[in-house]
Amino acid sequence: MTDLPSTDPGNPDRITPAEWDRLAQAVTDRFAPHLQAASAVVREAEQNLAQAQEALARAEHAAANVRYSSDRLVFMRVAVREEVDALSRKTTPKKVRASFRYLLARAAELAEGELTGYRADLEAARRDRREGVDACRQAEQRALGEFQAARDLQDRVRDAQQAALDGLAVLSEKMRSDLP
């Protein structure tokens, strides 16, 4: 804590204008790192908010420009069922074997496609939870809340500095009213 040294040996309570300047500078010096840190917090929150807004814009643009693509597995499933039906209608052992080999190849392709499709759907769902429009909206709302909290923090730090300055003003007024 800063002591209030006296410079007048006849009146120990009197503070000179130079001492007042030093006290005011002490308030400024004590709060400078806090004000700078609060400003840095606000800048970081602003950057995070801007990044969240950009990510949301990208996600909305990507969602709006998704092209339709048909699921080839739907057609493959139907084709495999039709091949099973066709196999039962074959009349010669040679045709049955040839039809079965074709069915086996198509069924194996279908099985591979089902696995690949499942993995792709799972990854798309995970990506949507991370980068989708809803996820980006939630991230933007969190960033907006953090930005507001940072601004509130900065205001509270400024208020603390102002309290110290107000205290200095009260001290100055009290010292002047006590002077002869």
Protein backbone atom coordinates (compact mmCIF):
# COMPACT_ATOMS: atom_id res chain seq x y z
CA MET A 1 0.00 0.00 0.00
CA THR A 2 1.22 3.47 -0.76
CA ASP A 3 1.90 5.58 2.31
CA LEU A 4 1.07 9.22 2.18
CA PRO A 5 4.39 10.87 3.08
CA SER A 6 4.38 14.34 4.37
CA THR A 7 6.69 16.99 3.00
CA ASP A 8 5.80 19.77 5.40
CA PRO A 9 7.55 19.31 8.79
CA GLY A 10 5.23 21.87 10.41
CA ASN A 11 2.06 20.08 9.24
CA PRO A 12 2.55 16.33 8.96
CA ASP A 13 -0.82 15.89 7.24
CA ARG A 14 -0.13 18.24 4.38
CA ILE A 15 0.63 16.72 0.97
CA THR A 16 2.31 18.75 -1.73
CA PRO A 17 1.10 18.90 -5.34
CA ALA A 18 4.11 16.82 -6.40
CA GLU A 19 3.06 14.13 -3.95
CA TRP A 20 -0.48 14.22 -5.32
CA ASP A 21 0.95 13.65 -8.79
CA ARG A 22 2.96 10.69 -7.49
CA LEU A 23 -0.14 9.22 -5.86
CA ALA A 24 -2.14 9.61 -9.06
CA GLN A 25 0.72 7.96 -10.97
CA ALA A 26 0.78 5.14 -8.42
CA VAL A 27 -2.90 4.45 -9.11
CA THR A 28 -2.20 4.44 -12.83
CA ASP A 29 0.82 2.17 -12.42
CA ARG A 30 -0.99 -0.29 -10.15
CA PHE A 31 -3.90 -0.68 -12.55
CA ALA A 32 -2.02 -0.67 -15.86
CA PRO A 33 -1.27 -4.42 -15.90
CA HIS A 34 -4.85 -5.24 -14.91
CA LEU A 35 -6.31 -2.97 -17.56
CA GLN A 36 -3.96 -4.44 -20.18
CA ALA A 37 -4.86 -7.99 -19.16
CA ALA A 38 -8.58 -7.19 -19.33
CA SER A 39 -8.10 -5.65 -22.78
CA ALA A 40 -6.24 -8.79 -23.90
CA VAL A 41 -9.11 -10.95 -22.63
CA VAL A 42 -11.59 -8.83 -24.58
CA ARG A 43 -9.46 -9.00 -27.77
CA GLU A 44 -9.20 -12.78 -27.46
CA ALA A 45 -12.95 -13.07 -26.94
CA GLU A 46 -13.54 -10.83 -29.98
CA GLN A 47 -11.29 -13.06 -32.09
CA ASN A 48 -13.04 -16.20 -30.87
CA LEU A 49 -16.41 -14.66 -31.66
CA ALA A 50 -15.27 -13.65 -35.15
CA GLN A 51 -13.95 -17.17 -35.79
CA ALA A 52 -17.21 -18.70 -34.57
CA GLN A 53 -19.21 -16.38 -36.83
CA GLU A 54 -17.01 -17.28 -39.81
CA ALA A 55 -17.40 -20.99 -39.06
CA LEU A 56 -21.17 -20.56 -38.87
CA ALA A 57 -21.22 -18.73 -42.20
CA ARG A 58 -19.16 -21.52 -43.80
CA ALA A 59 -21.43 -24.20 -42.32
CA GLU A 60 -24.57 -22.44 -43.50
CA HIS A 61 -23.08 -21.98 -46.97
CA ALA A 62 -22.05 -25.64 -47.11
CA ALA A 63 -25.49 -26.78 -45.94
CA ALA A 64 -27.21 -24.60 -48.51
CA ASN A 65 -25.05 -25.95 -51.33
CA VAL A 66 -25.27 -29.67 -50.59
CA ARG A 67 -26.07 -31.51 -53.77
CA TYR A 68 -28.47 -34.41 -53.78
CA SER A 69 -26.94 -37.80 -54.37
CA SER A 70 -28.86 -41.02 -54.51
CA ASP A 71 -27.87 -43.94 -52.33
CA ARG A 72 -26.63 -46.67 -54.61
CA LEU A 73 -27.09 -49.22 -51.83
CA VAL A 74 -30.86 -48.97 -52.18
CA PHE A 75 -30.56 -50.13 -55.77
CA MET A 76 -27.97 -52.79 -54.90
CA ARG A 77 -30.28 -54.31 -52.25
CA VAL A 78 -33.10 -54.56 -54.74
CA ALA A 79 -30.79 -56.03 -57.37
CA VAL A 80 -29.49 -58.71 -54.98
CA ARG A 81 -33.05 -59.73 -54.00
CA GLU A 82 -33.95 -59.91 -57.68
CA GLU A 83 -30.88 -62.09 -58.32
CA VAL A 84 -32.01 -64.50 -55.58
CA ASP A 85 -35.45 -64.69 -57.21
CA ALA A 86 -33.86 -65.15 -60.63
CA LEU A 87 -31.65 -67.97 -59.30
CA SER A 88 -34.73 -69.96 -58.28
CA ARG A 89 -36.05 -69.72 -61.87
CA LYS A 90 -32.90 -71.09 -63.54
CA THR A 91 -33.47 -74.41 -65.25
CA THR A 92 -30.02 -75.85 -65.92
CA PRO A 93 -27.16 -76.50 -63.46
CA LYS A 94 -24.81 -74.41 -65.62
CA LYS A 95 -27.17 -71.39 -65.48
CA VAL A 96 -27.69 -71.88 -61.72
CA ARG A 97 -23.91 -71.88 -61.09
CA ALA A 98 -23.35 -68.83 -63.30
CA SER A 99 -26.24 -66.98 -61.69
CA PHE A 100 -24.99 -67.91 -58.21
CA ARG A 101 -21.47 -66.60 -58.98
CA TYR A 102 -23.01 -63.33 -60.17
CA LEU A 103 -25.23 -63.20 -57.04
CA LEU A 104 -22.24 -63.91 -54.81
CA ALA A 105 -20.22 -61.07 -56.38
CA ARG A 106 -23.14 -58.62 -56.10
CA ALA A 107 -23.91 -59.65 -52.49
CA ALA A 108 -20.24 -59.19 -51.53
CA GLU A 109 -20.27 -55.74 -53.17
CA LEU A 110 -23.44 -54.94 -51.24
CA ALA A 111 -21.86 -56.05 -47.96
CA GLU A 112 -18.79 -53.92 -48.64
CA GLY A 113 -21.01 -50.98 -49.59
CA GLU A 114 -23.05 -51.38 -46.42
CA LEU A 115 -19.91 -51.23 -44.26
CA THR A 116 -18.49 -48.30 -46.19
CA GLY A 117 -21.83 -46.48 -46.03
CA TYR A 118 -22.14 -47.07 -42.30
CA ARG A 119 -18.66 -45.72 -41.65
CA ALA A 120 -19.29 -42.72 -43.92
CA ASP A 121 -22.63 -41.99 -42.20
CA LEU A 122 -21.02 -42.28 -38.79
CA GLU A 123 -18.20 -39.90 -39.76
CA ALA A 124 -20.69 -37.47 -41.33
CA ALA A 125 -22.74 -37.46 -38.12
CA ARG A 126 -19.61 -36.82 -36.05
CA ARG A 127 -18.50 -34.05 -38.41
CA ASP A 128 -21.98 -32.52 -38.25
CA ARG A 129 -21.83 -32.52 -34.44
CA ARG A 130 -18.45 -30.75 -34.64
CA GLU A 131 -18.85 -28.53 -37.70
CA GLY A 132 -22.52 -28.55 -38.64
CA VAL A 133 -24.81 -25.54 -38.63
CA ASP A 134 -26.27 -26.33 -35.20
CA ALA A 135 -22.84 -26.94 -33.69
CA CYS A 136 -21.57 -23.68 -35.17
CA ARG A 137 -24.61 -21.78 -33.88
CA GLN A 138 -23.99 -23.16 -30.40
CA ALA A 139 -20.29 -22.27 -30.65
CA GLU A 140 -21.22 -18.75 -31.76
CA GLN A 141 -23.59 -18.37 -28.80
CA ARG A 142 -20.88 -19.59 -26.41
CA ALA A 143 -18.37 -17.17 -27.97
CA LEU A 144 -20.89 -14.34 -27.72
CA GLY A 145 -21.44 -15.16 -24.03
CA GLU A 146 -17.68 -15.27 -23.43
CA PHE A 147 -17.25 -11.96 -25.25
CA GLN A 148 -19.92 -10.32 -23.09
CA ALA A 149 -18.34 -11.80 -19.96
CA ALA A 150 -14.96 -10.40 -21.06
CA ARG A 151 -16.51 -6.96 -21.60
CA ASP A 152 -18.12 -7.16 -18.17
CA LEU A 153 -14.74 -8.12 -16.69
CA GLN A 154 -13.12 -5.15 -18.38
CA ASP A 155 -15.84 -2.87 -17.00
CA ARG A 156 -15.30 -4.25 -13.48
CA VAL A 157 -11.54 -3.66 -13.74
CA ARG A 158 -12.19 -0.10 -14.89
CA ASP A 159 -14.66 0.32 -12.03
CA ALA A 160 -11.98 -0.84 -9.57
CA GLN A 161 -9.55 1.70 -11.00
CA GLN A 162 -12.22 4.37 -10.81
CA ALA A 163 -12.82 3.47 -7.14
CA ALA A 164 -9.13 4.06 -6.46
CA LEU A 165 -9.28 7.39 -8.31
CA ASP A 166 -12.43 8.34 -6.43
CA GLY A 167 -10.65 7.47 -3.18
CA LEU A 168 -7.76 9.70 -4.23
CA ALA A 169 -10.21 12.53 -4.91
CA VAL A 170 -11.83 12.04 -1.49
CA LEU A 171 -8.38 12.03 0.11
CA SER A 172 -7.53 15.22 -1.72
CA GLU A 173 -10.75 16.89 -0.63
CA LYS A 174 -10.32 15.79 2.98
CA MET A 175 -6.74 17.00 3.09
CA ARG A 176 -7.68 20.38 1.69
CA SER A 177 -10.60 20.87 4.10
CA ASP A 178 -8.37 20.03 7.06
CA LEU A 179 -5.78 22.61 6.06
CA PRO A 180 -5.69 25.94 7.93
